[in-house]
Protein backbone atom coordinates (compact mmCIF):
# COMPACT_ATOMS: atom_id res chain seq x y z
CA UNK A 1 -11.28 -2.95 35.35
CA UNK A 2 -10.75 -5.67 32.70
CA UNK A 3 -13.69 -4.31 30.67
CA UNK A 4 -12.29 -0.76 30.93
CA UNK A 5 -8.90 -1.95 29.71
CA UNK A 6 -10.52 -3.72 26.75
CA UNK A 7 -12.48 -0.57 25.79
CA UNK A 8 -9.30 1.53 26.05
CA UNK A 9 -7.44 -0.85 23.78
CA UNK A 10 -10.24 -1.09 21.24
CA UNK A 11 -10.49 2.72 21.16
CA UNK A 12 -7.30 2.84 19.08
CA UNK A 13 -8.94 1.11 16.13
CA UNK A 14 -11.13 4.03 15.02
CA UNK A 15 -8.53 6.84 15.16
CA UNK A 16 -5.99 4.65 13.36
CA UNK A 17 -8.57 3.80 10.70
CA UNK A 18 -9.79 7.39 10.29
CA UNK A 19 -6.20 8.62 10.05
CA UNK A 20 -5.77 6.20 7.15
CA UNK A 21 -8.99 7.54 5.62
CA UNK A 22 -7.85 11.16 5.62
CA UNK A 23 -4.32 10.35 4.51
CA UNK A 24 -5.61 8.41 1.54
CA UNK A 25 -7.88 11.25 0.51
CA UNK A 26 -4.61 13.15 0.00
CA UNK A 27 -2.75 10.22 -1.53
CA UNK A 28 -5.42 9.47 -4.06
CA UNK A 29 -6.13 13.06 -4.97
CA UNK A 30 -2.81 12.82 -6.77
CA UNK A 31 -2.05 9.12 -7.22
CA UNK A 32 -4.02 8.73 -10.43
CA UNK A 33 -2.45 11.98 -11.70
CA UNK A 34 1.09 10.79 -11.05
CA UNK A 35 1.78 8.55 -14.09
CA UNK A 36 0.08 11.05 -16.43
CA UNK A 37 2.12 13.84 -14.80
CA UNK A 38 5.25 11.74 -15.30
CA UNK A 39 4.62 10.75 -18.91
CA UNK A 40 2.79 13.76 -20.37
CA UNK A 41 3.89 16.74 -18.24
CA UNK A 42 7.50 15.72 -17.60
CA UNK A 43 7.64 14.07 -21.07
CA UNK A 44 9.19 10.71 -20.15
CA UNK A 45 8.48 8.00 -22.72
CA UNK A 46 10.62 5.09 -21.45
CA UNK A 47 8.77 2.89 -18.99
CA UNK A 48 11.99 1.71 -17.36
CA UNK A 49 12.53 5.25 -16.07
CA UNK A 50 9.12 5.19 -14.41
CA UNK A 51 10.06 1.84 -12.86
CA UNK A 52 13.50 3.16 -11.80
CA UNK A 53 12.05 6.10 -9.87
CA UNK A 54 9.64 3.81 -8.01
CA UNK A 55 12.39 1.28 -7.30
CA UNK A 56 14.82 3.85 -5.87
CA UNK A 57 12.14 5.21 -3.55
CA UNK A 58 11.05 1.76 -2.41
CA UNK A 59 14.66 0.79 -1.56
CA UNK A 60 15.02 3.44 1.12
CA UNK A 61 11.55 2.93 2.53
CA UNK A 62 11.90 -0.80 3.01
CA UNK A 63 15.41 -0.69 4.50
CA UNK A 64 14.27 1.44 7.47
CA UNK A 65 11.33 -0.80 8.41
CA UNK A 66 12.98 -3.41 10.68
CA UNK A 67 14.95 -0.73 12.52
CA UNK A 68 11.85 1.39 12.99
CA UNK A 69 10.01 -1.72 14.17
CA UNK A 70 12.72 -2.46 16.73
CA UNK A 71 12.58 1.14 17.93
CA UNK A 72 8.78 0.92 18.23
CA UNK A 73 9.05 -2.24 20.34
CA UNK A 74 11.33 -0.58 22.89
CA UNK A 75 10.18 3.07 22.77
CA UNK A 76 6.52 2.94 21.77
CA UNK A 77 4.45 3.08 18.59
CA UNK A 78 2.41 6.29 18.65
CA UNK A 79 5.06 8.96 18.06
CA UNK A 80 6.54 7.04 15.13
CA UNK A 81 3.13 6.76 13.46
CA UNK A 82 2.42 10.50 13.46
CA UNK A 83 6.05 11.20 12.56
CA UNK A 84 5.68 9.00 9.47
CA UNK A 85 2.54 10.86 8.45
CA UNK A 86 4.47 14.14 8.78
CA UNK A 87 7.06 12.92 6.26
CA UNK A 88 4.26 12.03 3.83
CA UNK A 89 2.91 15.57 4.13
CA UNK A 90 6.31 17.11 3.28
CA UNK A 91 6.75 14.73 0.33
CA UNK A 92 3.44 15.73 -1.24
CA UNK A 93 4.25 19.42 -1.01
CA UNK A 94 7.61 18.92 -2.72
CA UNK A 95 6.52 16.59 -5.54
CA UNK A 96 4.51 19.36 -7.16
CA UNK A 97 7.70 21.42 -7.61
CA UNK A 98 9.30 18.88 -10.01
CA UNK A 99 10.26 20.17 -13.47
CA UNK A 100 12.20 17.12 -14.68
CA UNK A 101 11.95 13.51 -13.58
CA UNK A 102 15.13 13.71 -11.48
CA UNK A 103 13.39 16.25 -9.24
CA UNK A 104 10.86 13.60 -8.24
CA UNK A 105 13.45 11.28 -6.73
CA UNK A 106 14.04 13.03 -3.32
CA UNK A 107 10.33 13.52 -2.48
CA UNK A 108 9.47 10.01 -3.68
CA UNK A 109 12.24 8.65 -1.43
CA UNK A 110 10.93 10.74 1.47
CA UNK A 111 7.42 9.41 0.80
CA UNK A 112 8.56 5.80 1.07
CA UNK A 113 10.64 6.52 4.18
CA UNK A 114 7.52 8.08 5.71
CA UNK A 115 5.58 4.90 5.00
CA UNK A 116 8.45 2.85 6.44
CA UNK A 117 8.36 4.92 9.63
CA UNK A 118 4.56 4.70 9.91
CA UNK A 119 3.61 1.17 8.89
CA UNK A 120 5.30 -1.30 11.30
CA UNK A 121 4.35 0.70 14.44
CA UNK A 122 0.83 1.26 13.12
CA UNK A 123 0.22 -2.42 12.41
CA UNK A 124 1.76 -3.41 15.75
CA UNK A 125 -0.40 -0.92 17.68
CA UNK A 126 -3.52 -2.10 15.85
CA UNK A 127 -2.63 -5.73 16.61
CA UNK A 128 -2.00 -4.89 20.27
CA UNK A 129 -5.39 -3.18 20.46
CA UNK A 130 -7.63 -6.13 19.50
CA UNK A 131 -7.85 -9.82 20.50
CA UNK A 132 -6.62 -12.33 17.88
CA UNK A 133 -10.20 -13.38 17.11
CA UNK A 134 -10.94 -9.84 15.85
CA UNK A 135 -7.62 -9.08 14.20
CA UNK A 136 -8.73 -9.86 10.65
CA UNK A 137 -11.72 -7.53 10.83
CA UNK A 138 -9.57 -4.80 12.47
CA UNK A 139 -7.13 -4.90 9.57
CA UNK A 140 -10.08 -5.19 7.22
CA UNK A 141 -11.58 -2.02 8.70
CA UNK A 142 -8.22 -0.27 8.35
CA UNK A 143 -8.06 -1.33 4.70
CA UNK A 144 -11.67 -0.29 4.09
CA UNK A 145 -11.25 3.16 5.62
CA UNK A 146 -7.98 3.59 3.77
CA UNK A 147 -9.81 2.76 0.58
CA UNK A 148 -12.88 4.91 1.29
CA UNK A 149 -10.40 7.77 1.40
CA UNK A 150 -9.13 6.61 -1.95
CA UNK A 151 -12.72 6.71 -3.29
CA UNK A 152 -13.24 10.28 -2.11
CA UNK A 153 -9.76 11.54 -3.04
CA UNK A 154 -9.99 11.25 -6.84
CA UNK A 155 -13.36 13.03 -6.81
CA UNK A 156 -11.80 15.93 -4.91
CA UNK A 157 -8.90 15.84 -7.35
CA UNK A 158 -11.19 16.10 -10.37
CA UNK A 159 -13.17 18.98 -8.83
CA UNK A 160 -10.03 20.89 -7.86
CA UNK A 161 -8.41 20.31 -11.25
CA UNK A 162 -11.46 21.65 -13.04
CA UNK A 163 -11.56 24.66 -10.70
CA UNK A 164 -7.93 25.46 -11.53
CA UNK A 165 -8.63 25.19 -15.27
CA UNK A 166 -11.70 27.41 -14.96
CA UNK A 167 -9.56 29.96 -13.12
CA UNK A 168 -7.21 30.12 -16.11
CA UNK A 169 -4.39 27.99 -14.68
CA UNK A 170 -2.35 26.22 -17.38
CA UNK A 171 -3.05 22.48 -17.53
CA UNK A 172 0.53 21.55 -16.52
CA UNK A 173 0.44 23.89 -13.52
CA UNK A 174 -2.99 22.56 -12.54
CA UNK A 175 -1.39 19.15 -12.16
CA UNK A 176 1.17 20.68 -9.78
CA UNK A 177 -1.52 22.34 -7.64
CA UNK A 178 -3.15 18.96 -7.06
CA UNK A 179 0.07 17.83 -5.34
CA UNK A 180 0.01 20.89 -3.07
CA UNK A 181 -3.65 20.44 -2.12
CA UNK A 182 -3.11 16.73 -1.38
CA UNK A 183 -1.02 17.59 1.68
CA UNK A 184 -3.96 19.10 3.61
CA UNK A 185 -5.89 15.91 4.56
CA UNK A 186 -2.71 14.33 5.93
CA UNK A 187 -2.57 17.11 8.53
CA UNK A 188 -5.82 15.70 9.95
CA UNK A 189 -4.22 12.23 10.11
CA UNK A 190 -1.35 13.61 12.17
CA UNK A 191 -3.77 15.20 14.66
CA UNK A 192 -5.88 12.02 14.94
CA UNK A 193 -2.87 9.90 15.85
CA UNK A 194 -1.36 12.51 18.17
CA UNK A 195 -4.53 13.21 20.17
CA UNK A 196 -6.71 10.14 19.51
CA UNK A 197 -4.48 7.13 20.23
CA UNK A 198 -2.65 5.80 23.26
CA UNK A 199 -0.03 3.15 23.84
CA UNK A 200 -1.47 -0.24 24.81
CA UNK A 201 1.68 -1.93 26.09
CA UNK A 202 3.24 -0.65 29.32
CA UNK A 203 6.36 -2.85 29.44
CA UNK A 204 8.68 -0.86 27.15
CA UNK A 205 11.15 -0.18 30.00
CA UNK A 206 11.35 -3.92 30.80
CA UNK A 207 11.79 -4.78 27.12
CA UNK A 208 14.72 -2.36 26.82
CA UNK A 209 16.55 -4.30 29.56
CA UNK A 210 15.90 -7.69 27.95
CA UNK A 211 18.31 -9.44 25.60
CA UNK A 212 16.58 -9.52 22.24
CA UNK A 213 16.91 -11.55 19.04
CA UNK A 214 16.82 -9.73 15.73
CA UNK A 215 13.57 -9.92 13.80
CA UNK A 216 15.27 -11.79 10.95
CA UNK A 217 16.36 -14.64 13.24
CA UNK A 218 12.81 -14.93 14.61
CA UNK A 219 11.45 -15.10 11.08
CA UNK A 220 13.97 -17.77 10.06
CA UNK A 221 13.05 -19.97 13.03
CA UNK A 222 9.30 -19.85 12.31
CA UNK A 223 8.58 -22.33 9.49
CA UNK A 224 5.17 -20.94 8.60
CA UNK A 225 6.32 -17.33 8.59
CA UNK A 226 9.46 -18.19 6.61
CA UNK A 227 7.58 -20.09 3.88
CA UNK A 228 4.92 -17.40 3.72
CA UNK A 229 7.60 -14.71 3.39
CA UNK A 230 9.37 -16.53 0.54
CA UNK A 231 6.15 -17.04 -1.43
CA UNK A 232 5.00 -13.45 -1.00
CA UNK A 233 8.47 -12.18 -1.97
CA UNK A 234 8.17 -13.95 -5.33
CA UNK A 235 4.56 -12.80 -5.71
CA UNK A 236 5.47 -9.18 -4.99
CA UNK A 237 8.26 -9.22 -7.56
CA UNK A 238 5.75 -9.98 -10.33
CA UNK A 239 2.84 -8.02 -8.89
CA UNK A 240 2.06 -5.37 -11.51
CA UNK A 241 2.03 -1.85 -10.07
CA UNK A 242 -0.97 0.43 -10.38
CA UNK A 243 1.21 2.95 -12.23
CA UNK A 244 1.70 0.45 -15.06
CA UNK A 245 -1.99 -0.41 -15.02
CA UNK A 246 -2.89 3.26 -15.43
CA UNK A 247 -0.35 3.83 -18.18
CA UNK A 248 -1.58 0.67 -19.95
CA UNK A 249 -5.21 1.74 -19.57
CA UNK A 250 -4.38 5.15 -21.04
CA UNK A 251 -2.58 3.43 -23.91
CA UNK A 252 -5.44 1.03 -24.68
CA UNK A 253 -8.07 3.78 -24.51
CA UNK A 254 -5.93 6.53 -26.07
CA UNK A 255 -6.44 9.00 -23.19
CA UNK A 256 -4.90 12.48 -23.74
CA UNK A 257 -3.78 14.52 -20.74
CA UNK A 258 -6.71 16.92 -21.14
CA UNK A 259 -9.06 13.99 -20.43
CA UNK A 260 -7.13 12.76 -17.38
CA UNK A 261 -10.43 12.18 -15.54
CA UNK A 262 -10.84 8.89 -17.42
CA UNK A 263 -7.65 7.58 -15.77
CA UNK A 264 -8.87 8.91 -12.43
CA UNK A 265 -12.14 7.03 -12.92
CA UNK A 266 -10.25 3.81 -13.65
CA UNK A 267 -8.24 4.16 -10.46
CA UNK A 268 -11.44 4.97 -8.57
CA UNK A 269 -12.87 1.61 -9.65
CA UNK A 270 -10.08 -0.17 -7.74
CA UNK A 271 -11.13 1.51 -4.53
CA UNK A 272 -14.85 0.93 -5.05
CA UNK A 273 -14.31 -2.85 -5.01
CA UNK A 274 -11.46 -2.84 -2.46
CA UNK A 275 -13.36 -1.15 0.39
CA UNK A 276 -16.15 -3.69 0.97
CA UNK A 277 -13.97 -6.68 0.11
CA UNK A 278 -11.33 -5.82 2.73
CA UNK A 279 -13.66 -5.83 5.73
CA UNK A 280 -15.67 -8.86 4.63
CA UNK A 281 -12.56 -10.91 3.88
CA UNK A 282 -11.06 -9.93 7.24
CA UNK A 283 -14.17 -11.17 9.07
CA UNK A 284 -14.04 -14.38 7.05
CA UNK A 285 -10.37 -14.99 7.84
CA UNK A 286 -11.04 -14.64 11.58
CA UNK A 287 -13.22 -17.75 11.28
CA UNK A 288 -11.64 -19.79 8.48
CA UNK A 289 -7.98 -18.77 8.52
CA UNK A 290 -5.92 -16.30 6.50
CA UNK A 291 -4.71 -18.62 3.73
CA UNK A 292 -7.92 -18.97 1.69
CA UNK A 293 -8.59 -15.26 0.99
CA UNK A 294 -4.89 -14.61 0.35
CA UNK A 295 -4.68 -17.44 -2.19
CA UNK A 296 -7.90 -16.41 -3.94
CA UNK A 297 -6.55 -12.85 -4.12
CA UNK A 298 -3.38 -14.11 -5.84
CA UNK A 299 -5.44 -16.03 -8.39
CA UNK A 300 -7.62 -13.01 -9.15
CA UNK A 301 -4.54 -10.83 -9.66
CA UNK A 302 -3.01 -13.38 -12.02
CA UNK A 303 -6.13 -13.52 -14.19
CA UNK A 304 -6.49 -9.73 -14.10
CA UNK A 305 -2.86 -9.14 -15.10
CA UNK A 306 -3.09 -11.42 -18.12
CA UNK A 307 -6.38 -9.77 -19.02
CA UNK A 308 -4.57 -6.51 -19.83
CA UNK A 309 -2.99 -8.24 -22.82
CA UNK A 310 -6.46 -8.64 -24.37
CA UNK A 311 -8.42 -5.60 -23.12
CA UNK A 312 -9.69 -3.37 -25.93
CA UNK A 313 -12.35 -0.93 -24.63
CA UNK A 314 -13.43 0.92 -21.51
CA UNK A 315 -15.69 -1.89 -20.22
CA UNK A 316 -12.96 -4.54 -20.42
CA UNK A 317 -10.37 -2.24 -18.84
CA UNK A 318 -12.86 -1.16 -16.15
CA UNK A 319 -13.60 -4.77 -15.18
CA UNK A 320 -9.86 -5.38 -14.77
CA UNK A 321 -9.53 -2.41 -12.43
CA UNK A 322 -12.49 -3.68 -10.39
CA UNK A 323 -10.79 -7.08 -10.17
CA UNK A 324 -7.63 -5.42 -8.88
CA UNK A 325 -9.62 -3.90 -6.01
CA UNK A 326 -11.08 -7.30 -5.12
CA UNK A 327 -7.58 -8.80 -5.14
CA UNK A 328 -6.33 -6.08 -2.78
CA UNK A 329 -9.28 -6.52 -0.42
CA UNK A 330 -8.64 -10.25 -0.18
CA UNK A 331 -4.87 -10.07 0.01
CA UNK A 332 -3.64 -7.01 1.91
CA UNK A 333 -5.54 -7.04 5.24
CA UNK A 334 -5.14 -10.78 5.64
CA UNK A 335 -1.41 -10.71 4.95
CA UNK A 336 -1.09 -8.02 7.64
CA UNK A 337 -3.20 -10.03 10.09
CA UNK A 338 -1.35 -13.30 9.43
CA UNK A 339 2.09 -11.79 10.01
CA UNK A 340 0.79 -10.13 13.20
CA UNK A 341 -0.62 -13.49 14.33
CA UNK A 342 2.73 -15.21 13.87
CA UNK A 343 4.93 -12.51 15.42
CA UNK A 344 5.80 -12.65 19.16
CA UNK A 345 4.05 -9.86 21.08
CA UNK A 346 7.23 -8.35 22.53
CA UNK A 347 8.83 -7.97 19.08
CA UNK A 348 5.76 -7.65 16.92
CA UNK A 349 6.67 -4.33 15.28
CA UNK A 350 10.19 -5.52 14.48
CA UNK A 351 9.02 -8.80 12.92
CA UNK A 352 6.39 -6.91 10.91
CA UNK A 353 9.08 -4.46 9.78
CA UNK A 354 11.48 -7.28 8.88
CA UNK A 355 8.80 -9.07 6.87
CA UNK A 356 7.89 -5.86 5.07
CA UNK A 357 11.54 -5.15 4.31
CA UNK A 358 12.17 -8.60 2.80
CA UNK A 359 9.00 -8.56 0.73
CA UNK A 360 9.65 -4.93 -0.18
CA UNK A 361 13.20 -5.63 -1.34
CA UNK A 362 11.80 -8.18 -3.76
CA UNK A 363 9.52 -5.44 -5.07
CA UNK A 364 12.38 -3.05 -5.86
CA UNK A 365 13.56 -4.64 -9.13
CA UNK A 366 10.00 -5.62 -10.06
CA UNK A 367 8.80 -2.34 -11.65
CA UNK A 368 12.11 -1.91 -13.49
CA UNK A 369 12.04 -5.47 -14.87
CA UNK A 370 8.38 -5.10 -15.82
CA UNK A 371 9.14 -1.83 -17.62
CA UNK A 372 12.15 -3.38 -19.34
CA UNK A 373 10.07 -6.30 -20.64
CA UNK A 374 7.48 -3.78 -21.82
CA UNK A 375 10.11 -1.74 -23.70
CA UNK A 376 11.78 -4.81 -25.24
CA UNK A 377 8.85 -7.10 -26.04
CA UNK A 378 5.70 -4.96 -25.77
CA UNK A 379 3.19 -4.37 -22.99
CA UNK A 380 1.21 -7.55 -23.75
CA UNK A 381 4.19 -9.79 -23.03
CA UNK A 382 4.94 -8.04 -19.74
CA UNK A 383 1.37 -8.52 -18.50
CA UNK A 384 1.21 -12.17 -19.60
CA UNK A 385 4.49 -13.04 -17.87
CA UNK A 386 3.48 -11.23 -14.68
CA UNK A 387 0.08 -12.93 -14.57
CA UNK A 388 1.50 -16.43 -14.99
CA UNK A 389 3.90 -15.91 -12.09
CA UNK A 390 1.05 -14.71 -9.85
CA UNK A 391 -0.85 -17.95 -10.54
CA UNK A 392 2.31 -19.95 -9.85
CA UNK A 393 2.66 -18.27 -6.43
CA UNK A 394 -0.95 -19.12 -5.58
CA UNK A 395 -0.25 -22.78 -6.36
CA UNK A 396 2.91 -22.80 -4.21
CA UNK A 397 1.09 -21.20 -1.25
CA UNK A 398 -1.72 -23.75 -1.55
CA UNK A 399 0.69 -26.69 -1.48
CA UNK A 400 3.21 -25.43 1.08
CA UNK A 401 1.05 -24.20 3.98
CA UNK A 402 -1.93 -25.72 5.76
CA UNK A 403 -5.17 -23.72 5.80
CA UNK A 404 -4.92 -22.71 9.47
CA UNK A 405 -1.13 -22.65 9.95
């Protein structure tokens, strides 16, 4: 019976991971198109506007996370996960309808709310489904599958875009059709979660009758989790977004919108290095602790960010995008696993949601400030400042927390 229960729990890992794979095929069919669509199709030249749209969307998405997490802890995880994927599907369909930048705001907000509804329950269900000694590799597999989807997605996007052009569709309208097509793979994700997963915990009725602390108070009482949250909040504020990387790469290489595939290739390089790094770093962290890969990831991002100030050709820019994928593979799955390790089982989703909200709130002004520095002092200054702060955060994390806290 114990072995059967273990197999049942572990069976959630694959459908959750494959749902991420299909969803990211859709996400990354259009993600590399988005900044080019914004700048060259909607004709926005001020980078602070690009940062403002992202910041407004992030605000709503992060605010809902602790409340969704609390709901998931008392009502179950599964229905919230597929509900979040459904909101992502609707957002992708509506983004392609935008004619001016203001039209992008509602679907971008809906997209981030969808992620806020999906992520805390998904990470809690994944954590519930594996023993702590396998949690790093489970999150690493999730990150790898997510990223394999991001490898496949841009290729589909390029093929579809070329098909639309060959069919006589105007280049601007071809961009819009990519948004519409990107919704289809997410439908598969919804079905995988709905039919392929099951709740692991069975005590939701008992939990509803129990007096509960708020996730924020739990976080404040846990020294390790509190220090980790504060450091990652500062790191996230200065963490350069991929949108700015793509716009900078297009600027350095002089990419016109008719040759968008070069930007898609650059974004593809991130995912090529992310996928293997995520799983391997997760396995490593199960043995050696989460801190080492997270710190190394911060250092790599700092060096990469400053490197944009000196990049001058496709090879140098391509190496920087590969470095960004390595950073993500080291950092993201191990942050998720560490927070899940530190959270109490009965309020795991809420603590995860609270952590994500706090770190996310620090991210809201980040893109706007980065864009403002770019507009005022030039893109080189913005990348140098951001990179130095990433290295500072790595030093603080090294000094403030023990390796296996």
